[in-house]
Amino acid sequence: MSVHKEVKRITTNTILEMKQKGEKIAMLTSYDYSMATIVDEGGIDVILVGDSASNVMAGHETTLPITLDQMIYHAASVVRAVKRALVVVDLPFGSYQGNSKEALNSAIRIMKESGAHAVKLEGGLEIKESVERIINAGIPVMGHLGLTPQSIYKFGTYTVRAKEEAEAAKLKSDILVLQEAGCFSVVLEKIPAQLALEVTKSVKIPTIGIGAGSNCDGQVLVINDMIGLTKGFKPRFLRQYLNLFEEINGAVQSYVKDVKAGDFPNEKEQY
C-alpha cells in the first residue's frame, strides 16, 4: 500500500495565523496550468491570478482591457493545477467599481466558474459597499491599496504612491475600512517602507507588499518578472531569480540551427 501524504491546503485562516505567528507569507502570480503546477509545488502560500495577465499574457499596456471572462479562463486553468496554495483572483477593471450588485455578481462568477478561493479588489472607502456585499455572500476578499494599477490613468504615472501626507492619511484610514469590512488581507503596492510598517502594525489582517519594503507580513511578485520571462522590466522592487528570456531564446536558436542543419531529429529520435 502506498502511503499518500495529505497536502494541507492553505486557507484564509492559515494566512491570518501566519501574521499572528510572525511567519512571512509568500505570494506569486500564475496565469496558466503549467506554471501554476510548478509554483504550487515550489511551496508558495498564495497564488494570485492577477489582472497583470493583461500585460504579461496578452501584451496590453495596462491592466484595463482584460475581461471577466478572460480572468475566469486564467483562474480555472490555475485552479486545476493547485493542490496546496490559496488561489486569489483579481476582479478586473469595470467588473465591480460603482455598483456593489455587479461586484457581487462578478465575484460569484469567479468562484463558481473557476473554483478559486478568494477575490481581490483595488481601492478603499469607495469600494467598501462592494467588499461588504461580496463577503456577506461568503466570498473572501483581499484588498489592494497604494498604487492601484486599474486607476493608472487617474494617477498618470507608475511612481511611488502616498509620499504626500494627505494620500498617506487616506491609506491609513482605508486599510482600517477594509479590515472593518471584513477583508482577510491587503496588498500594499509601491508605497514608502515606513508607511507600510505603520499600517501593517495598525491592523490585525496581514499586509502583502510589492515595492513596499520588508515590514509587510508577506511579499508578492509577478512570476514572469521574477523568473525573467519578461525582458527589460527592472523596477527597484524586483529581484530577478532567473533569466528565462535568455535561456529560452538560446534554446530556440539551438533548435532552429539543428532543424536547418538536418541534425534534428536524429536516428534515436524517430520511429
Protein backbone atom coordinates (compact mmCIF):
# COMPACT_ATOMS: atom_id res chain seq x y z
CA MET A 1 0.00 0.00 0.00
CA SER A 2 1.46 3.35 -0.99
CA VAL A 3 1.42 5.99 1.71
CA HIS A 4 -0.10 9.12 0.20
CA LYS A 5 0.88 12.20 2.19
CA GLU A 6 -2.11 14.50 2.51
CA VAL A 7 -1.31 18.04 1.36
CA LYS A 8 -2.60 20.58 3.86
CA ARG A 9 -4.36 23.35 1.99
CA ILE A 10 -3.63 26.97 2.79
CA THR A 11 -6.81 28.85 3.72
CA THR A 12 -7.60 32.47 4.55
CA ASN A 13 -7.42 31.35 8.16
CA THR A 14 -3.88 30.00 7.66
CA ILE A 15 -2.84 33.41 6.31
CA LEU A 16 -4.23 35.20 9.39
CA GLU A 17 -2.47 32.72 11.69
CA MET A 18 0.80 33.30 9.85
CA LYS A 19 0.63 37.01 10.69
CA GLN A 20 -0.09 36.20 14.35
CA LYS A 21 2.92 33.86 14.48
CA GLY A 22 5.16 36.32 12.66
CA GLU A 23 5.64 33.91 9.75
CA LYS A 24 6.06 35.67 6.40
CA ILE A 25 3.60 34.97 3.59
CA ALA A 26 4.98 34.21 0.12
CA MET A 27 2.75 35.05 -2.85
CA LEU A 28 3.36 34.89 -6.62
CA THR A 29 1.15 35.28 -9.66
CA SER A 30 0.27 32.50 -12.11
CA TYR A 31 -1.96 32.52 -15.17
CA ASP A 32 -1.84 29.00 -16.60
CA TYR A 33 -1.84 25.32 -15.62
CA SER A 34 1.83 24.52 -16.31
CA MET A 35 3.25 27.47 -14.38
CA ALA A 36 0.79 27.09 -11.50
CA THR A 37 1.82 23.42 -11.12
CA ILE A 38 5.46 24.46 -10.68
CA VAL A 39 4.69 27.41 -8.40
CA ASP A 40 2.39 25.35 -6.17
CA GLU A 41 4.89 22.50 -5.87
CA GLY A 42 7.56 25.09 -5.05
CA GLY A 43 5.78 25.73 -1.76
CA ILE A 44 4.12 29.10 -2.38
CA ASP A 45 1.44 30.12 0.15
CA VAL A 46 -0.79 32.22 -2.10
CA ILE A 47 -1.18 32.28 -5.88
CA LEU A 48 -2.64 35.46 -7.33
CA VAL A 49 -4.31 35.16 -10.69
CA GLY A 50 -3.58 38.79 -11.39
CA ASP A 51 -5.12 41.10 -13.93
CA SER A 52 -1.43 41.59 -14.76
CA ALA A 53 -2.28 38.77 -17.21
CA SER A 54 -3.44 41.70 -19.35
CA ASN A 55 0.20 42.81 -19.58
CA VAL A 56 2.30 39.65 -19.45
CA MET A 57 -0.03 37.19 -21.19
CA ALA A 58 -1.91 39.43 -23.63
CA GLY A 59 0.60 42.22 -24.29
CA HIS A 60 -1.62 45.14 -23.28
CA GLU A 61 -0.05 48.31 -21.94
CA THR A 62 -2.32 48.40 -18.87
CA THR A 63 -4.48 46.01 -16.84
CA LEU A 64 -7.67 47.72 -18.02
CA PRO A 65 -8.54 45.70 -21.17
CA ILE A 66 -8.76 42.24 -19.59
CA THR A 67 -12.34 40.98 -19.21
CA LEU A 68 -14.11 39.00 -16.52
CA ASP A 69 -14.43 36.03 -18.91
CA GLN A 70 -10.69 36.11 -19.58
CA MET A 71 -9.91 36.28 -15.84
CA ILE A 72 -12.16 33.26 -15.26
CA TYR A 73 -10.33 31.36 -18.03
CA HIS A 74 -6.93 32.07 -16.43
CA ALA A 75 -8.23 31.33 -12.93
CA ALA A 76 -9.78 27.98 -13.90
CA SER A 77 -6.50 26.95 -15.57
CA VAL A 78 -4.58 27.77 -12.38
CA VAL A 79 -7.07 26.10 -10.01
CA ARG A 80 -6.78 22.80 -11.92
CA ALA A 81 -3.07 22.74 -11.09
CA VAL A 82 -3.11 23.76 -7.44
CA LYS A 83 -3.05 21.30 -4.55
CA ARG A 84 -1.86 23.47 -1.68
CA ALA A 85 -1.84 27.22 -2.28
CA LEU A 86 -4.68 29.66 -1.65
CA VAL A 87 -5.84 30.94 -5.05
CA VAL A 88 -6.91 34.60 -5.19
CA VAL A 89 -8.31 36.16 -8.37
CA ASP A 90 -8.37 39.83 -9.37
CA LEU A 91 -11.74 41.31 -10.20
CA PRO A 92 -10.89 43.14 -13.44
CA PHE A 93 -11.47 46.81 -14.15
CA GLY A 94 -15.14 47.61 -14.71
CA SER A 95 -16.49 44.48 -13.02
CA TYR A 96 -17.02 45.98 -9.55
CA GLN A 97 -16.50 49.76 -9.46
CA GLY A 98 -19.53 51.89 -8.74
CA ASN A 99 -22.06 49.10 -8.41
CA SER A 100 -21.96 46.67 -5.50
CA LYS A 101 -24.53 44.37 -7.08
CA GLU A 102 -22.39 44.00 -10.19
CA ALA A 103 -19.36 43.48 -7.94
CA LEU A 104 -21.12 40.63 -6.16
CA ASN A 105 -22.19 39.03 -9.45
CA SER A 106 -18.62 39.24 -10.78
CA ALA A 107 -17.22 37.65 -7.62
CA ILE A 108 -19.83 34.87 -7.70
CA ARG A 109 -18.98 34.09 -11.33
CA ILE A 110 -15.27 33.83 -10.49
CA MET A 111 -15.92 31.47 -7.57
CA LYS A 112 -18.45 29.28 -9.41
CA GLU A 113 -16.76 29.10 -12.78
CA SER A 114 -13.10 28.89 -11.74
CA GLY A 115 -13.16 27.17 -8.35
CA ALA A 116 -10.86 29.83 -6.87
CA HIS A 117 -10.80 30.58 -3.14
CA ALA A 118 -10.96 34.39 -2.91
CA VAL A 119 -11.11 37.60 -4.95
CA LYS A 120 -9.05 40.79 -4.86
CA LEU A 121 -10.37 44.34 -5.36
CA GLU A 122 -8.49 47.63 -5.65
CA GLY A 123 -9.43 50.63 -3.54
CA GLY A 124 -10.51 51.74 -0.08
CA LEU A 125 -13.56 53.59 1.19
CA GLU A 126 -15.02 53.95 -2.32
CA ILE A 127 -15.43 50.15 -2.69
CA LYS A 128 -16.48 49.43 0.91
CA GLU A 129 -20.06 48.53 -0.04
CA SER A 130 -18.88 46.10 -2.74
CA VAL A 131 -16.45 44.43 -0.33
CA GLU A 132 -19.16 44.00 2.32
CA ARG A 133 -21.63 42.58 -0.18
CA ILE A 134 -19.14 40.04 -1.50
CA ILE A 135 -18.06 38.97 2.00
CA ASN A 136 -21.70 38.66 3.12
CA ALA A 137 -22.14 36.16 0.29
CA GLY A 138 -19.37 34.05 1.83
CA ILE A 139 -16.59 35.03 -0.56
CA PRO A 140 -13.25 36.06 0.99
CA VAL A 141 -11.82 39.39 -0.20
CA MET A 142 -8.22 40.59 -0.38
CA GLY A 143 -7.83 44.37 -0.60
CA HIS A 144 -5.28 46.38 -2.59
CA LEU A 145 -4.04 49.87 -1.66
CA GLY A 146 -1.25 52.23 -2.69
CA LEU A 147 -0.51 52.05 -6.41
CA THR A 148 -3.72 50.59 -7.83
CA PRO A 149 -2.92 49.81 -11.48
CA GLN A 150 -6.58 49.89 -12.58
CA SER A 151 -6.53 53.62 -11.75
CA ILE A 152 -3.36 54.28 -13.73
CA TYR A 153 -4.98 56.91 -15.93
CA LYS A 154 -6.05 58.81 -12.82
CA PHE A 155 -2.50 58.70 -11.41
CA GLY A 156 -0.87 59.28 -14.80
CA THR A 157 2.30 57.51 -13.65
CA TYR A 158 3.54 54.30 -12.01
CA THR A 159 5.65 56.15 -9.42
CA VAL A 160 5.55 55.53 -5.66
CA ARG A 161 2.24 56.44 -4.01
CA ALA A 162 1.37 58.02 -0.63
CA LYS A 163 4.54 60.07 -0.25
CA GLU A 164 2.39 63.13 0.48
CA GLU A 165 0.72 63.41 3.89
CA ALA A 166 -2.87 63.54 2.56
CA GLU A 167 -2.54 60.38 0.48
CA ALA A 168 -0.73 58.60 3.33
CA ALA A 169 -3.52 59.57 5.75
CA LYS A 170 -6.16 58.24 3.34
CA LEU A 171 -4.26 54.95 3.01
CA LYS A 172 -4.08 54.62 6.80
CA SER A 173 -7.84 55.10 7.12
CA ASP A 174 -8.60 52.97 4.04
CA ILE A 175 -6.85 49.91 5.45
CA LEU A 176 -8.95 50.20 8.62
CA VAL A 177 -12.09 50.48 6.46
CA LEU A 178 -11.08 47.30 4.57
CA GLN A 179 -10.35 45.46 7.83
CA GLU A 180 -13.70 46.58 9.25
CA ALA A 181 -15.48 45.49 6.04
CA GLY A 182 -14.02 42.01 6.52
CA CYS A 183 -11.02 41.71 4.15
CA PHE A 184 -8.70 38.86 5.17
CA SER A 185 -5.57 40.64 3.88
CA VAL A 186 -4.45 43.67 1.86
CA VAL A 187 -1.82 44.14 -0.84
CA LEU A 188 0.26 47.31 -0.45
CA GLU A 189 1.84 48.37 -3.74
CA LYS A 190 4.69 50.85 -4.20
CA ILE A 191 4.43 52.89 -1.02
CA PRO A 192 7.22 54.10 1.31
CA ALA A 193 8.55 51.30 3.55
CA GLN A 194 7.97 53.37 6.71
CA LEU A 195 4.29 53.88 5.86
CA ALA A 196 3.91 50.16 5.09
CA LEU A 197 5.37 49.36 8.53
CA GLU A 198 2.91 51.74 10.23
CA VAL A 199 -0.19 50.37 8.51
CA THR A 200 0.95 46.75 8.95
CA LYS A 201 1.19 47.35 12.71
CA SER A 202 -2.20 49.13 12.74
CA VAL A 203 -4.20 46.11 11.54
CA LYS A 204 -4.82 42.52 12.60
CA ILE A 205 -5.04 41.33 8.98
CA PRO A 206 -1.88 40.54 7.01
CA THR A 207 -0.38 43.01 4.53
CA ILE A 208 1.35 41.73 1.41
CA GLY A 209 3.81 44.11 -0.15
CA ILE A 210 5.12 44.74 -3.64
CA GLY A 211 7.61 47.56 -3.57
CA ALA A 212 6.51 48.32 -0.01
CA GLY A 213 9.59 47.26 1.97
CA SER A 214 10.38 44.32 4.21
CA ASN A 215 7.99 45.06 7.07
CA CYS A 216 4.83 43.81 5.39
CA ASP A 217 3.55 40.41 6.55
CA GLY A 218 4.22 38.95 3.11
CA GLN A 219 5.52 39.71 -0.37
CA VAL A 220 4.18 39.28 -3.91
CA LEU A 221 5.83 39.48 -7.33
CA VAL A 222 4.65 38.81 -10.86
CA ILE A 223 6.09 35.37 -11.73
CA ASN A 224 7.02 36.41 -15.30
CA ASP A 225 9.16 39.24 -13.90
CA MET A 226 10.66 37.16 -11.08
CA ILE A 227 11.90 34.43 -13.42
CA GLY A 228 12.98 36.84 -16.15
CA LEU A 229 10.45 35.80 -18.78
CA THR A 230 9.70 39.46 -19.38
CA LYS A 231 12.54 41.39 -20.99
CA GLY A 232 13.78 44.74 -19.79
CA PHE A 233 11.35 45.27 -16.88
CA LYS A 234 13.61 46.00 -13.90
CA PRO A 235 11.96 48.18 -11.25
CA ARG A 236 13.78 48.63 -7.96
CA PHE A 237 11.44 46.29 -6.05
CA LEU A 238 12.03 43.33 -8.38
CA ARG A 239 14.54 40.64 -7.50
CA GLN A 240 15.03 38.52 -10.61
CA TYR A 241 15.78 34.91 -9.66
CA LEU A 242 16.29 33.58 -13.21
CA ASN A 243 16.84 34.92 -16.70
CA LEU A 244 14.45 32.68 -18.62
CA PHE A 245 14.22 35.08 -21.55
CA GLU A 246 17.86 34.40 -22.42
CA GLU A 247 17.65 30.69 -21.57
CA ILE A 248 14.60 30.04 -23.73
CA ASN A 249 15.83 32.31 -26.50
CA GLY A 250 19.07 30.30 -26.59
CA ALA A 251 17.15 27.01 -26.70
CA VAL A 252 15.01 28.24 -29.62
CA GLN A 253 18.13 29.32 -31.54
CA SER A 254 19.73 25.90 -30.96
CA TYR A 255 16.56 24.13 -32.13
CA VAL A 256 16.36 26.27 -35.27
CA LYS A 257 20.04 25.56 -36.02
CA ASP A 258 19.57 21.78 -35.56
CA VAL A 259 16.46 21.65 -37.75
CA LYS A 260 18.10 23.71 -40.53
CA ALA A 261 21.21 21.51 -40.41
CA GLY A 262 19.14 18.33 -40.65
CA ASP A 263 20.55 17.28 -37.27
CA PHE A 264 17.13 17.08 -35.59
CA PRO A 265 15.60 14.55 -35.41
CA ASN A 266 18.44 12.03 -35.34
CA GLU A 267 18.32 8.21 -35.59
CA LYS A 268 17.28 7.81 -31.94
CA GLU A 269 14.54 10.41 -32.28
CA GLN A 270 12.48 8.64 -34.92
CA TYR A 271 10.32 5.52 -35.11
